[in-house]
PDB file of N, CA and C in Angstrom:
ATOM      1  N   UNK A   1       4.815   7.063   4.476  1.00  0.00           N
ATOM      2  CA  UNK A   1       4.623   5.591   4.283  1.00  0.00           C
ATOM      3  C   UNK A   1       3.350   5.178   4.297  1.00  0.00           C
ATOM      4  N   UNK A   2       2.811   4.565   3.351  1.00  0.00           N
ATOM      5  CA  UNK A   2       1.560   3.908   3.267  1.00  0.00           C
ATOM      6  C   UNK A   2       1.543   2.533   3.817  1.00  0.00           C
ATOM      7  N   UNK A   3       0.553   2.055   4.246  1.00  0.00           N
ATOM      8  CA  UNK A   3       0.326   0.584   4.779  1.00  0.00           C
ATOM      9  C   UNK A   3      -0.599  -0.087   3.908  1.00  0.00           C
ATOM     10  N   UNK A   4      -0.439  -1.422   3.703  1.00  0.00           N
ATOM     11  CA  UNK A   4      -1.267  -2.201   3.017  1.00  0.00           C
ATOM     12  C   UNK A   4      -1.897  -3.363   4.069  1.00  0.00           C
ATOM     13  N   UNK A   5      -3.059  -3.652   3.984  1.00  0.00           N
ATOM     14  CA  UNK A   5      -3.668  -4.518   5.022  1.00  0.00           C
ATOM     15  C   UNK A   5      -3.741  -5.968   4.346  1.00  0.00           C
ATOM     16  N   UNK A   6      -3.330  -6.877   5.221  1.00  0.00           N
ATOM     17  CA  UNK A   6      -3.377  -8.328   4.879  1.00  0.00           C
ATOM     18  C   UNK A   6      -4.245  -9.058   5.837  1.00  0.00           C
ATOM     19  N   UNK A   7      -5.405  -9.724   5.477  1.00  0.00           N
ATOM     20  CA  UNK A   7      -6.313 -10.364   6.490  1.00  0.00           C
ATOM     21  C   UNK A   7      -5.544 -11.407   7.117  1.00  0.00           C
ATOM     22  N   UNK A   8      -5.670 -11.568   8.428  1.00  0.00           N
ATOM     23  CA  UNK A   8      -4.970 -12.717   9.257  1.00  0.00           C
ATOM     24  C   UNK A   8      -5.619 -14.008   8.972  1.00  0.00           C
ATOM     25  N   UNK A   9      -6.657 -14.183   8.106  1.00  0.00           N
ATOM     26  CA  UNK A   9      -7.245 -15.414   7.668  1.00  0.00           C
ATOM     27  C   UNK A   9      -6.752 -15.771   6.213  1.00  0.00           C
ATOM     28  N   UNK A  10      -5.837 -14.935   5.740  1.00  0.00           N
ATOM     29  CA  UNK A  10      -5.505 -15.296   4.324  1.00  0.00           C
ATOM     30  C   UNK A  10      -4.794 -16.539   4.213  1.00  0.00           C
ATOM     31  N   UNK A  11      -4.031 -16.920   5.085  1.00  0.00           N
ATOM     32  CA  UNK A  11      -3.230 -18.264   4.943  1.00  0.00           C
ATOM     33  C   UNK A  11      -4.234 -19.379   4.746  1.00  0.00           C
ATOM     34  N   UNK A  12      -5.521 -19.360   4.930  1.00  0.00           N
ATOM     35  CA  UNK A  12      -6.351 -20.451   5.072  1.00  0.00           C
ATOM     36  C   UNK A  12      -7.575 -20.160   4.162  1.00  0.00           C
ATOM     37  N   UNK A  13      -7.532 -19.154   3.343  1.00  0.00           N
ATOM     38  CA  UNK A  13      -8.682 -18.822   2.524  1.00  0.00           C
ATOM     39  C   UNK A  13      -8.875 -19.831   1.415  1.00  0.00           C
ATOM     40  N   UNK A  14     -10.063 -20.194   1.146  1.00  0.00           N
ATOM     41  CA  UNK A  14     -10.231 -21.215   0.158  1.00  0.00           C
ATOM     42  C   UNK A  14      -9.738 -20.714  -1.379  1.00  0.00           C
ATOM     43  N   UNK A  15      -9.857 -19.458  -1.567  1.00  0.00           N
ATOM     44  CA  UNK A  15      -9.379 -19.054  -2.859  1.00  0.00           C
ATOM     45  C   UNK A  15      -7.735 -19.503  -3.178  1.00  0.00           C
ATOM     46  N   UNK A  16      -7.056 -19.705  -2.039  1.00  0.00           N
ATOM     47  CA  UNK A  16      -5.655 -20.141  -2.170  1.00  0.00           C
ATOM     48  C   UNK A  16      -5.644 -21.574  -2.764  1.00  0.00           C
ATOM     49  N   UNK A  17      -6.583 -22.392  -2.486  1.00  0.00           N
ATOM     50  CA  UNK A  17      -6.610 -23.686  -2.936  1.00  0.00           C
ATOM     51  C   UNK A  17      -6.421 -23.870  -4.483  1.00  0.00           C
ATOM     52  N   UNK A  18      -6.756 -22.877  -5.221  1.00  0.00           N
ATOM     53  CA  UNK A  18      -6.710 -22.802  -6.667  1.00  0.00           C
ATOM     54  C   UNK A  18      -5.157 -22.736  -7.023  1.00  0.00           C
ATOM     55  N   UNK A  19      -4.387 -22.224  -6.276  1.00  0.00           N
ATOM     56  CA  UNK A  19      -2.914 -22.093  -6.574  1.00  0.00           C
ATOM     57  C   UNK A  19      -2.204 -23.352  -6.628  1.00  0.00           C
ATOM     58  N   UNK A  20      -2.627 -24.425  -5.877  1.00  0.00           N
ATOM     59  CA  UNK A  20      -2.107 -25.678  -6.029  1.00  0.00           C
ATOM     60  C   UNK A  20      -0.661 -25.589  -5.566  1.00  0.00           C
ATOM     61  N   UNK A  21       0.331 -26.215  -6.209  1.00  0.00           N
ATOM     62  CA  UNK A  21       1.778 -26.373  -5.904  1.00  0.00           C
ATOM     63  C   UNK A  21       2.336 -25.023  -5.982  1.00  0.00           C
ATOM     64  N   UNK A  22       1.827 -24.030  -6.588  1.00  0.00           N
ATOM     65  CA  UNK A  22       2.379 -22.813  -6.893  1.00  0.00           C
ATOM     66  C   UNK A  22       1.898 -21.644  -5.748  1.00  0.00           C
ATOM     67  N   UNK A  23       1.286 -22.329  -4.762  1.00  0.00           N
ATOM     68  CA  UNK A  23       0.648 -21.473  -3.706  1.00  0.00           C
ATOM     69  C   UNK A  23       1.723 -20.528  -3.111  1.00  0.00           C
ATOM     70  N   UNK A  24       2.799 -20.970  -2.676  1.00  0.00           N
ATOM     71  CA  UNK A  24       3.790 -20.125  -1.930  1.00  0.00           C
ATOM     72  C   UNK A  24       4.508 -19.145  -2.787  1.00  0.00           C
ATOM     73  N   UNK A  25       4.775 -19.543  -4.090  1.00  0.00           N
ATOM     74  CA  UNK A  25       5.399 -18.594  -4.989  1.00  0.00           C
ATOM     75  C   UNK A  25       4.365 -17.455  -5.512  1.00  0.00           C
ATOM     76  N   UNK A  26       3.129 -17.841  -5.678  1.00  0.00           N
ATOM     77  CA  UNK A  26       2.126 -16.930  -6.113  1.00  0.00           C
ATOM     78  C   UNK A  26       1.667 -15.998  -4.945  1.00  0.00           C
ATOM     79  N   UNK A  27       1.712 -16.546  -3.656  1.00  0.00           N
ATOM     80  CA  UNK A  27       1.436 -15.541  -2.604  1.00  0.00           C
ATOM     81  C   UNK A  27       2.702 -14.722  -2.264  1.00  0.00           C
ATOM     82  N   UNK A  28       3.821 -15.257  -2.603  1.00  0.00           N
ATOM     83  CA  UNK A  28       4.994 -14.338  -2.375  1.00  0.00           C
ATOM     84  C   UNK A  28       4.939 -13.137  -3.402  1.00  0.00           C
ATOM     85  N   UNK A  29       4.557 -13.444  -4.691  1.00  0.00           N
ATOM     86  CA  UNK A  29       4.290 -12.349  -5.584  1.00  0.00           C
ATOM     87  C   UNK A  29       3.176 -11.407  -5.148  1.00  0.00           C
ATOM     88  N   UNK A  30       2.119 -11.888  -4.617  1.00  0.00           N
ATOM     89  CA  UNK A  30       0.984 -11.072  -4.191  1.00  0.00           C
ATOM     90  C   UNK A  30       1.380 -10.165  -3.199  1.00  0.00           C
ATOM     91  N   UNK A  31       2.103 -10.601  -2.202  1.00  0.00           N
ATOM     92  CA  UNK A  31       2.608  -9.869  -0.882  1.00  0.00           C
ATOM     93  C   UNK A  31       3.661  -8.820  -1.474  1.00  0.00           C
ATOM     94  N   UNK A  32       4.580  -9.176  -2.332  1.00  0.00           N
ATOM     95  CA  UNK A  32       5.513  -8.094  -2.949  1.00  0.00           C
ATOM     96  C   UNK A  32       4.722  -7.149  -3.747  1.00  0.00           C
ATOM     97  N   UNK A  33       3.819  -7.475  -4.454  1.00  0.00           N
ATOM     98  CA  UNK A  33       3.047  -6.601  -5.335  1.00  0.00           C
ATOM     99  C   UNK A  33       2.206  -5.680  -4.356  1.00  0.00           C
ATOM    100  N   UNK A  34       1.600  -6.155  -3.392  1.00  0.00           N
ATOM    101  CA  UNK A  34       0.761  -5.404  -2.268  1.00  0.00           C
ATOM    102  C   UNK A  34       1.748  -4.400  -1.781  1.00  0.00           C
ATOM    103  N   UNK A  35       2.884  -4.641  -1.377  1.00  0.00           N
ATOM    104  CA  UNK A  35       3.812  -3.743  -0.711  1.00  0.00           C
ATOM    105  C   UNK A  35       4.232  -2.643  -1.753  1.00  0.00           C
ATOM    106  N   UNK A  36       4.545  -3.030  -3.010  1.00  0.00           N
ATOM    107  CA  UNK A  36       5.001  -2.165  -4.098  1.00  0.00           C
ATOM    108  C   UNK A  36       3.748  -1.282  -4.430  1.00  0.00           C
ATOM    109  N   UNK A  37       2.532  -1.663  -4.394  1.00  0.00           N
ATOM    110  CA  UNK A  37       1.331  -0.818  -4.737  1.00  0.00           C
ATOM    111  C   UNK A  37       1.101   0.126  -3.563  1.00  0.00           C
ATOM    112  N   UNK A  38       1.332  -0.168  -2.238  1.00  0.00           N
ATOM    113  CA  UNK A  38       1.124   0.625  -1.234  1.00  0.00           C
ATOM    114  C   UNK A  38       2.218   1.784  -1.320  1.00  0.00           C
ATOM    115  N   UNK A  39       3.396   1.269  -1.592  1.00  0.00           N
ATOM    116  CA  UNK A  39       4.448   2.273  -1.686  1.00  0.00           C
ATOM    117  C   UNK A  39       4.374   3.383  -2.787  1.00  0.00           C
ATOM    118  N   UNK A  40       3.865   2.992  -3.853  1.00  0.00           N
ATOM    119  CA  UNK A  40       3.802   3.857  -5.013  1.00  0.00           C
ATOM    120  C   UNK A  40       2.400   4.338  -5.204  1.00  0.00           C
ATOM    121  N   UNK A  41       1.439   4.073  -4.312  1.00  0.00           N
ATOM    122  CA  UNK A  41       0.066   4.587  -4.324  1.00  0.00           C
ATOM    123  C   UNK A  41      -0.620   4.276  -5.715  1.00  0.00           C
ATOM    124  N   UNK A  42      -0.641   3.062  -6.010  1.00  0.00           N
ATOM    125  CA  UNK A  42      -1.169   2.652  -7.367  1.00  0.00           C
ATOM    126  C   UNK A  42      -2.701   2.248  -7.329  1.00  0.00           C
ATOM    127  N   UNK A  43      -3.337   2.283  -6.189  1.00  0.00           N
ATOM    128  CA  UNK A  43      -4.580   1.821  -5.874  1.00  0.00           C
ATOM    129  C   UNK A  43      -4.774   0.329  -6.218  1.00  0.00           C
ATOM    130  N   UNK A  44      -3.791  -0.464  -6.121  1.00  0.00           N
ATOM    131  CA  UNK A  44      -3.918  -1.856  -6.441  1.00  0.00           C
ATOM    132  C   UNK A  44      -3.606  -2.158  -7.810  1.00  0.00           C
ATOM    133  N   UNK A  45      -3.203  -1.362  -8.625  1.00  0.00           N
ATOM    134  CA  UNK A  45      -2.786  -1.651 -10.076  1.00  0.00           C
ATOM    135  C   UNK A  45      -1.400  -2.081 -10.187  1.00  0.00           C
ATOM    136  N   UNK A  46      -1.140  -3.262 -10.763  1.00  0.00           N
ATOM    137  CA  UNK A  46       0.245  -3.776 -10.833  1.00  0.00           C
ATOM    138  C   UNK A  46       0.471  -3.979 -12.359  1.00  0.00           C
ATOM    139  N   UNK A  47       1.185  -3.169 -12.936  1.00  0.00           N
ATOM    140  CA  UNK A  47       1.667  -3.390 -14.459  1.00  0.00           C
ATOM    141  C   UNK A  47       2.350  -4.681 -14.654  1.00  0.00           C
ATOM    142  N   UNK A  48       2.182  -5.168 -15.821  1.00  0.00           N
ATOM    143  CA  UNK A  48       2.772  -6.403 -16.257  1.00  0.00           C
ATOM    144  C   UNK A  48       4.219  -6.396 -15.947  1.00  0.00           C
ATOM    145  N   UNK A  49       4.809  -5.284 -16.473  1.00  0.00           N
ATOM    146  CA  UNK A  49       6.359  -5.156 -16.182  1.00  0.00           C
ATOM    147  C   UNK A  49       6.776  -5.340 -14.847  1.00  0.00           C
ATOM    148  N   UNK A  50       5.955  -4.735 -13.849  1.00  0.00           N
ATOM    149  CA  UNK A  50       6.199  -4.745 -12.488  1.00  0.00           C
ATOM    150  C   UNK A  50       6.170  -6.150 -11.915  1.00  0.00           C
ATOM    151  N   UNK A  51       5.300  -6.999 -12.528  1.00  0.00           N
ATOM    152  CA  UNK A  51       5.116  -8.433 -12.150  1.00  0.00           C
ATOM    153  C   UNK A  51       6.449  -9.156 -12.353  1.00  0.00           C
ATOM    154  N   UNK A  52       6.859  -8.853 -13.489  1.00  0.00           N
ATOM    155  CA  UNK A  52       8.256  -9.514 -13.846  1.00  0.00           C
ATOM    156  C   UNK A  52       9.398  -8.899 -13.106  1.00  0.00           C
ATOM    157  N   UNK A  53       9.303  -7.749 -12.817  1.00  0.00           N
ATOM    158  CA  UNK A  53      10.428  -7.077 -12.001  1.00  0.00           C
ATOM    159  C   UNK A  53      10.472  -7.560 -10.589  1.00  0.00           C
ATOM    160  N   UNK A  54       9.361  -7.917 -10.013  1.00  0.00           N
ATOM    161  CA  UNK A  54       9.149  -8.339  -8.673  1.00  0.00           C
ATOM    162  C   UNK A  54       9.582  -9.838  -8.675  1.00  0.00           C
ATOM    163  N   UNK A  55       9.934 -10.575  -9.856  1.00  0.00           N
ATOM    164  CA  UNK A  55      10.329 -11.934  -9.799  1.00  0.00           C
ATOM    165  C   UNK A  55       9.135 -12.841 -10.224  1.00  0.00           C
ATOM    166  N   UNK A  56       7.964 -12.304 -10.472  1.00  0.00           N
ATOM    167  CA  UNK A  56       6.871 -13.207 -10.831  1.00  0.00           C
ATOM    168  C   UNK A  56       6.839 -13.505 -12.271  1.00  0.00           C
ATOM    169  N   UNK A  57       5.857 -14.451 -12.499  1.00  0.00           N
ATOM    170  CA  UNK A  57       5.785 -14.944 -13.844  1.00  0.00           C
ATOM    171  C   UNK A  57       4.313 -14.753 -14.351  1.00  0.00           C
ATOM    172  N   UNK A  58       4.055 -14.845 -15.631  1.00  0.00           N
ATOM    173  CA  UNK A  58       2.771 -14.708 -16.205  1.00  0.00           C
ATOM    174  C   UNK A  58       1.874 -15.842 -15.588  1.00  0.00           C
ATOM    175  N   UNK A  59       2.381 -17.010 -15.524  1.00  0.00           N
ATOM    176  CA  UNK A  59       1.817 -18.139 -14.859  1.00  0.00           C
ATOM    177  C   UNK A  59       1.205 -17.871 -13.505  1.00  0.00           C
ATOM    178  N   UNK A  60       2.077 -17.310 -12.750  1.00  0.00           N
ATOM    179  CA  UNK A  60       1.738 -17.010 -11.234  1.00  0.00           C
ATOM    180  C   UNK A  60       0.661 -15.917 -11.269  1.00  0.00           C
ATOM    181  N   UNK A  61       0.751 -14.844 -12.102  1.00  0.00           N
ATOM    182  CA  UNK A  61      -0.234 -13.911 -12.126  1.00  0.00           C
ATOM    183  C   UNK A  61      -1.675 -14.390 -12.779  1.00  0.00           C
ATOM    184  N   UNK A  62      -1.546 -15.302 -13.692  1.00  0.00           N
ATOM    185  CA  UNK A  62      -2.809 -15.888 -14.086  1.00  0.00           C
ATOM    186  C   UNK A  62      -3.418 -16.764 -13.045  1.00  0.00           C
ATOM    187  N   UNK A  63      -2.630 -17.358 -12.314  1.00  0.00           N
ATOM    188  CA  UNK A  63      -3.083 -18.124 -11.205  1.00  0.00           C
ATOM    189  C   UNK A  63      -3.854 -17.325 -10.187  1.00  0.00           C
ATOM    190  N   UNK A  64      -3.247 -16.150  -9.898  1.00  0.00           N
ATOM    191  CA  UNK A  64      -3.711 -15.229  -8.979  1.00  0.00           C
ATOM    192  C   UNK A  64      -5.195 -14.680  -9.582  1.00  0.00           C
ATOM    193  N   UNK A  65      -5.180 -14.478 -10.856  1.00  0.00           N
ATOM    194  CA  UNK A  65      -6.476 -14.176 -11.447  1.00  0.00           C
ATOM    195  C   UNK A  65      -7.522 -15.109 -11.361  1.00  0.00           C
ATOM    196  N   UNK A  66      -7.052 -16.492 -11.576  1.00  0.00           N
ATOM    197  CA  UNK A  66      -8.029 -17.609 -11.594  1.00  0.00           C
ATOM    198  C   UNK A  66      -8.451 -17.752 -10.067  1.00  0.00           C
ATOM    199  N   UNK A  67      -7.652 -17.488  -9.159  1.00  0.00           N
ATOM    200  CA  UNK A  67      -8.088 -17.620  -7.761  1.00  0.00           C
ATOM    201  C   UNK A  67      -9.033 -16.515  -7.326  1.00  0.00           C
ATOM    202  N   UNK A  68      -9.083 -15.406  -7.981  1.00  0.00           N
ATOM    203  CA  UNK A  68      -9.819 -14.277  -7.732  1.00  0.00           C
ATOM    204  C   UNK A  68      -9.196 -13.230  -6.755  1.00  0.00           C
ATOM    205  N   UNK A  69      -7.934 -13.383  -6.685  1.00  0.00           N
ATOM    206  CA  UNK A  69      -7.177 -12.422  -5.804  1.00  0.00           C
ATOM    207  C   UNK A  69      -6.771 -11.230  -6.746  1.00  0.00           C
ATOM    208  N   UNK A  70      -6.511 -11.393  -7.913  1.00  0.00           N
ATOM    209  CA  UNK A  70      -6.221 -10.194  -8.960  1.00  0.00           C
ATOM    210  C   UNK A  70      -7.186 -10.278 -10.042  1.00  0.00           C
ATOM    211  N   UNK A  71      -7.447  -9.096 -10.635  1.00  0.00           N
ATOM    212  CA  UNK A  71      -8.141  -9.019 -11.998  1.00  0.00           C
ATOM    213  C   UNK A  71      -7.290  -8.465 -13.050  1.00  0.00           C
ATOM    214  N   UNK A  72      -7.782  -8.759 -14.206  1.00  0.00           N
ATOM    215  CA  UNK A  72      -6.935  -8.144 -15.309  1.00  0.00           C
ATOM    216  C   UNK A  72      -7.297  -6.587 -15.405  1.00  0.00           C
ATOM    217  N   UNK A  73      -6.273  -5.862 -15.852  1.00  0.00           N
ATOM    218  CA  UNK A  73      -6.584  -4.427 -16.030  1.00  0.00           C
ATOM    219  C   UNK A  73      -5.956  -4.038 -17.290  1.00  0.00           C
ATOM    220  N   UNK A  74      -5.992  -2.951 -17.798  1.00  0.00           N
ATOM    221  CA  UNK A  74      -5.614  -2.407 -19.101  1.00  0.00           C
ATOM    222  C   UNK A  74      -4.081  -2.673 -19.297  1.00  0.00           C
ATOM    223  N   UNK A  75      -3.267  -2.518 -18.414  1.00  0.00           N
ATOM    224  CA  UNK A  75      -1.789  -2.751 -18.671  1.00  0.00           C
ATOM    225  C   UNK A  75      -1.284  -3.804 -17.674  1.00  0.00           C
ATOM    226  N   UNK A  76      -2.112  -4.632 -17.091  1.00  0.00           N
ATOM    227  CA  UNK A  76      -1.461  -5.680 -16.239  1.00  0.00           C
ATOM    228  C   UNK A  76      -2.583  -6.282 -15.472  1.00  0.00           C
ATOM    229  N   UNK A  77      -2.479  -6.039 -14.014  1.00  0.00           N
ATOM    230  CA  UNK A  77      -3.375  -6.658 -13.160  1.00  0.00           C
ATOM    231  C   UNK A  77      -3.869  -5.553 -12.055  1.00  0.00           C
ATOM    232  N   UNK A  78      -4.872  -5.955 -11.348  1.00  0.00           N
ATOM    233  CA  UNK A  78      -5.355  -5.110 -10.185  1.00  0.00           C
ATOM    234  C   UNK A  78      -5.809  -6.189  -9.104  1.00  0.00           C
ATOM    235  N   UNK A  79      -5.531  -5.724  -7.820  1.00  0.00           N
ATOM    236  CA  UNK A  79      -5.959  -6.477  -6.708  1.00  0.00           C
ATOM    237  C   UNK A  79      -7.311  -6.505  -6.616  1.00  0.00           C
ATOM    238  N   UNK A  80      -7.954  -7.638  -6.341  1.00  0.00           N
ATOM    239  CA  UNK A  80      -9.440  -7.576  -6.212  1.00  0.00           C
ATOM    240  C   UNK A  80      -9.834  -6.918  -5.026  1.00  0.00           C
ATOM    241  N   UNK A  81     -10.829  -6.000  -5.053  1.00  0.00           N
ATOM    242  CA  UNK A  81     -11.386  -5.256  -3.927  1.00  0.00           C
ATOM    243  C   UNK A  81     -10.280  -4.502  -3.009  1.00  0.00           C
ATOM    244  N   UNK A  82      -9.297  -3.964  -3.774  1.00  0.00           N
ATOM    245  CA  UNK A  82      -8.092  -3.311  -3.025  1.00  0.00           C
ATOM    246  C   UNK A  82      -8.572  -2.129  -2.173  1.00  0.00           C
ATOM    247  N   UNK A  83      -9.561  -1.308  -2.669  1.00  0.00           N
ATOM    248  CA  UNK A  83      -9.895  -0.070  -2.134  1.00  0.00           C
ATOM    249  C   UNK A  83     -10.948  -0.413  -1.009  1.00  0.00           C
ATOM    250  N   UNK A  84     -11.431  -1.583  -1.081  1.00  0.00           N
ATOM    251  CA  UNK A  84     -12.325  -1.903   0.005  1.00  0.00           C
ATOM    252  C   UNK A  84     -11.601  -2.198   1.407  1.00  0.00           C
ATOM    253  N   UNK A  85     -10.371  -2.463   1.234  1.00  0.00           N
ATOM    254  CA  UNK A  85      -9.545  -2.867   2.496  1.00  0.00           C
ATOM    255  C   UNK A  85      -8.286  -1.888   2.610  1.00  0.00           C
ATOM    256  N   UNK A  86      -7.956  -1.017   1.622  1.00  0.00           N
ATOM    257  CA  UNK A  86      -6.768  -0.268   1.746  1.00  0.00           C
ATOM    258  C   UNK A  86      -7.186   1.231   1.508  1.00  0.00           C
ATOM    259  N   UNK A  87      -6.441   2.134   1.890  1.00  0.00           N
ATOM    260  CA  UNK A  87      -6.794   3.562   1.516  1.00  0.00           C
ATOM    261  C   UNK A  87      -6.408   3.883   0.175  1.00  0.00           C
ATOM    262  N   UNK A  88      -7.211   4.813  -0.343  1.00  0.00           N
ATOM    263  CA  UNK A  88      -6.841   5.095  -1.779  1.00  0.00           C
ATOM    264  C   UNK A  88      -5.685   6.077  -1.826  1.00  0.00           C
ATOM    265  N   UNK A  89      -5.094   6.158  -2.941  1.00  0.00           N
ATOM    266  CA  UNK A  89      -3.893   7.111  -3.141  1.00  0.00           C
ATOM    267  C   UNK A  89      -4.259   8.544  -2.782  1.00  0.00           C
ATOM    268  N   UNK A  90      -5.460   8.907  -3.165  1.00  0.00           N
ATOM    269  CA  UNK A  90      -6.012  10.256  -2.809  1.00  0.00           C
ATOM    270  C   UNK A  90      -6.016  10.460  -1.240  1.00  0.00           C
ATOM    271  N   UNK A  91      -6.642   9.497  -0.606  1.00  0.00           N
ATOM    272  CA  UNK A  91      -6.664   9.564   0.826  1.00  0.00           C
ATOM    273  C   UNK A  91      -5.358   9.629   1.456  1.00  0.00           C
ATOM    274  N   UNK A  92      -4.364   8.741   1.129  1.00  0.00           N
ATOM    275  CA  UNK A  92      -2.999   8.855   1.575  1.00  0.00           C
ATOM    276  C   UNK A  92      -2.340  10.145   1.360  1.00  0.00           C
ATOM    277  N   UNK A  93      -2.427  10.745   0.162  1.00  0.00           N
ATOM    278  CA  UNK A  93      -1.970  12.049  -0.187  1.00  0.00           C
ATOM    279  C   UNK A  93      -2.484  13.001   0.640  1.00  0.00           C
ATOM    280  N   UNK A  94      -3.842  13.027   0.819  1.00  0.00           N
ATOM    281  CA  UNK A  94      -4.516  14.013   1.716  1.00  0.00           C
ATOM    282  C   UNK A  94      -4.001  13.888   3.182  1.00  0.00           C
ATOM    283  N   UNK A  95      -3.915  12.727   3.683  1.00  0.00           N
ATOM    284  CA  UNK A  95      -3.493  12.588   5.063  1.00  0.00           C
ATOM    285  C   UNK A  95      -2.025  12.962   5.154  1.00  0.00           C
ATOM    286  N   UNK A  96      -1.283  12.899   4.141  1.00  0.00           N
ATOM    287  CA  UNK A  96       0.160  13.334   4.411  1.00  0.00           C
ATOM    288  C   UNK A  96       0.242  14.808   4.293  1.00  0.00           C
ATOM    289  N   UNK A  97      -0.618  15.403   3.378  1.00  0.00           N
ATOM    290  CA  UNK A  97      -0.712  16.898   3.330  1.00  0.00           C
ATOM    291  C   UNK A  97      -1.120  17.505   4.777  1.00  0.00           C
ATOM    292  N   UNK A  98      -2.194  16.723   5.364  1.00  0.00           N
ATOM    293  CA  UNK A  98      -2.651  17.223   6.650  1.00  0.00           C
ATOM    294  C   UNK A  98      -1.581  17.220   7.752  1.00  0.00           C
ATOM    295  N   UNK A  99      -0.824  15.984   7.663  1.00  0.00           N
ATOM    296  CA  UNK A  99       0.225  15.685   8.661  1.00  0.00           C
ATOM    297  C   UNK A  99       1.335  16.861   8.548  1.00  0.00           C
ATOM    298  N   UNK A 100       1.738  17.212   7.133  1.00  0.00           N
ATOM    299  CA  UNK A 100       2.731  18.230   6.958  1.00  0.00           C
ATOM    300  C   UNK A 100       2.341  19.630   7.477  1.00  0.00           C
ATOM    301  N   UNK A 101       0.990  19.835   7.293  1.00  0.00           N
ATOM    302  CA  UNK A 101       0.505  21.179   7.764  1.00  0.00           C
ATOM    303  C   UNK A 101       0.498  21.182   9.311  1.00  0.00           C
ATOM    304  N   UNK A 102       0.074  20.079   9.886  1.00  0.00           N
ATOM    305  CA  UNK A 102       0.141  20.004  11.439  1.00  0.00           C
ATOM    306  C   UNK A 102       1.580  20.207  11.852  1.00  0.00           C
ATOM    307  N   UNK A 103       2.462  19.470  11.120  1.00  0.00           N
ATOM    308  CA  UNK A 103       3.889  19.642  11.619  1.00  0.00           C
ATOM    309  C   UNK A 103       4.369  21.160  11.400  1.00  0.00           C
ATOM    310  N   UNK A 104       4.005  21.817  10.472  1.00  0.00           N
ATOM    311  CA  UNK A 104       4.291  23.219  10.283  1.00  0.00           C
ATOM    312  C   UNK A 104       3.753  23.985  11.445  1.00  0.00           C
ATOM    313  N   UNK A 105       2.591  23.870  11.835  1.00  0.00           N
ATOM    314  CA  UNK A 105       1.842  24.581  12.752  1.00  0.00           C
ATOM    315  C   UNK A 105       2.515  24.285  14.090  1.00  0.00           C
ATOM    316  N   UNK A 106       2.827  22.958  14.354  1.00  0.00           N
ATOM    317  CA  UNK A 106       3.584  22.653  15.542  1.00  0.00           C
ATOM    318  C   UNK A 106       5.026  23.358  15.736  1.00  0.00           C
ATOM    319  N   UNK A 107       5.569  23.377  14.649  1.00  0.00           N
ATOM    320  CA  UNK A 107       6.973  24.058  14.518  1.00  0.00           C
ATOM    321  C   UNK A 107       6.885  25.509  14.762  1.00  0.00           C
ATOM    322  N   UNK A 108       5.891  26.075  14.204  1.00  0.00           N
ATOM    323  CA  UNK A 108       5.658  27.631  14.360  1.00  0.00           C
ATOM    324  C   UNK A 108       5.336  27.890  15.869  1.00  0.00           C
ATOM    325  N   UNK A 109       4.426  27.063  16.341  1.00  0.00           N
ATOM    326  CA  UNK A 109       4.023  27.157  17.865  1.00  0.00           C
ATOM    327  C   UNK A 109       5.292  27.041  18.692  1.00  0.00           C
ATOM    328  N   UNK A 110       6.043  26.124  18.413  1.00  0.00           N
ATOM    329  CA  UNK A 110       7.237  25.799  19.251  1.00  0.00           C
ATOM    330  C   UNK A 110       8.311  26.931  19.246  1.00  0.00           C
ATOM    331  N   UNK A 111       8.524  27.508  17.940  1.00  0.00           N
ATOM    332  CA  UNK A 111       9.293  28.723  17.958  1.00  0.00           C
ATOM    333  C   UNK A 111       8.787  29.836  18.682  1.00  0.00           C
ATOM    334  N   UNK A 112       7.481  30.054  18.483  1.00  0.00           N
ATOM    335  CA  UNK A 112       6.832  31.258  19.356  1.00  0.00           C
ATOM    336  C   UNK A 112       6.965  31.016  20.769  1.00  0.00           C
ATOM    337  N   UNK A 113       6.807  29.787  21.225  1.00  0.00           N
ATOM    338  CA  UNK A 113       6.848  29.441  22.626  1.00  0.00           C
ATOM    339  C   UNK A 113       8.241  29.712  23.112  1.00  0.00           C
ATOM    340  N   UNK A 114       9.248  29.291  22.436  1.00  0.00           N
ATOM    341  CA  UNK A 114      10.481  29.568  22.838  1.00  0.00           C
ATOM    342  C   UNK A 114      10.955  31.228  22.770  1.00  0.00           C
ATOM    343  N   UNK A 115      10.282  31.706  21.909  1.00  0.00           N
ATOM    344  CA  UNK A 115      10.581  33.288  21.747  1.00  0.00           C
ATOM    345  C   UNK A 115       9.946  33.980  22.951  1.00  0.00           C
ATOM    346  N   UNK A 116       8.717  33.614  23.293  1.00  0.00           N
ATOM    347  CA  UNK A 116       8.008  34.182  24.379  1.00  0.00           C
ATOM    348  C   UNK A 116       8.641  33.761  25.825  1.00  0.00           C
ATOM    349  N   UNK A 117       9.198  32.607  25.822  1.00  0.00           N
ATOM    350  CA  UNK A 117       9.857  32.179  27.057  1.00  0.00           C
ATOM    351  C   UNK A 117      11.140  33.065  27.296  1.00  0.00           C
ATOM    352  N   UNK A 118      11.857  33.271  26.114  1.00  0.00           N
ATOM    353  CA  UNK A 118      13.017  34.085  26.286  1.00  0.00           C
ATOM    354  C   UNK A 118      12.702  35.507  26.605  1.00  0.00           C
ATOM    355  N   UNK A 119      11.638  36.012  26.082  1.00  0.00           N
ATOM    356  CA  UNK A 119      11.206  37.429  26.462  1.00  0.00           C
ATOM    357  C   UNK A 119      10.850  37.575  27.870  1.00  0.00           C
ATOM    358  N   UNK A 120      10.128  36.568  28.443  1.00  0.00           N
ATOM    359  CA  UNK A 120       9.792  36.480  29.862  1.00  0.00           C
ATOM    360  C   UNK A 120      10.926  36.452  30.885  1.00  0.00           C
ATOM    361  N   UNK A 121      12.184  35.893  30.272  1.00  0.00           N
ATOM    362  CA  UNK A 121      13.220  35.846  31.175  1.00  0.00           C
ATOM    363  C   UNK A 121      13.959  37.317  31.512  1.00  0.00           C
ATOM    364  N   UNK A 122      13.877  38.045  30.447  1.00  0.00           N
ATOM    365  CA  UNK A 122      14.443  39.388  30.432  1.00  0.00           C
ATOM    366  C   UNK A 122      13.607  40.335  31.257  1.00  0.00           C
ATOM    367  N   UNK A 123      12.339  39.791  31.675  1.00  0.00           N
ATOM    368  CA  UNK A 123      11.336  40.853  32.281  1.00  0.00           C
ATOM    369  C   UNK A 123      11.746  40.931  33.671  1.00  0.00           C
TER     370      UNK A 123
END
């Protein structure tokens, strides 16, 4: 599981003033897209089709761009400064691989410890 960070000052950030009456809907899209991006390790890229799938509209996405929260990308949008605040896909994959390796080592050590404990009982 990857995690995405949301600043606890977000609710009051001046950039949100640009969103006007669409503030809540736009930020709902923003949060859902952040979650999706973290889950699928997109480094903050949100394809246009995904915006629609999340229930967002082009208007909301355009407002997020106008507010400076998203930027245009080749096939949709990208979170502004995503990698300044969130781990890259590469870093997440590396951490997961390290955790798998540590788990394997721990499992092997546990099996060996049980084997030795059983050997000592018979002595």
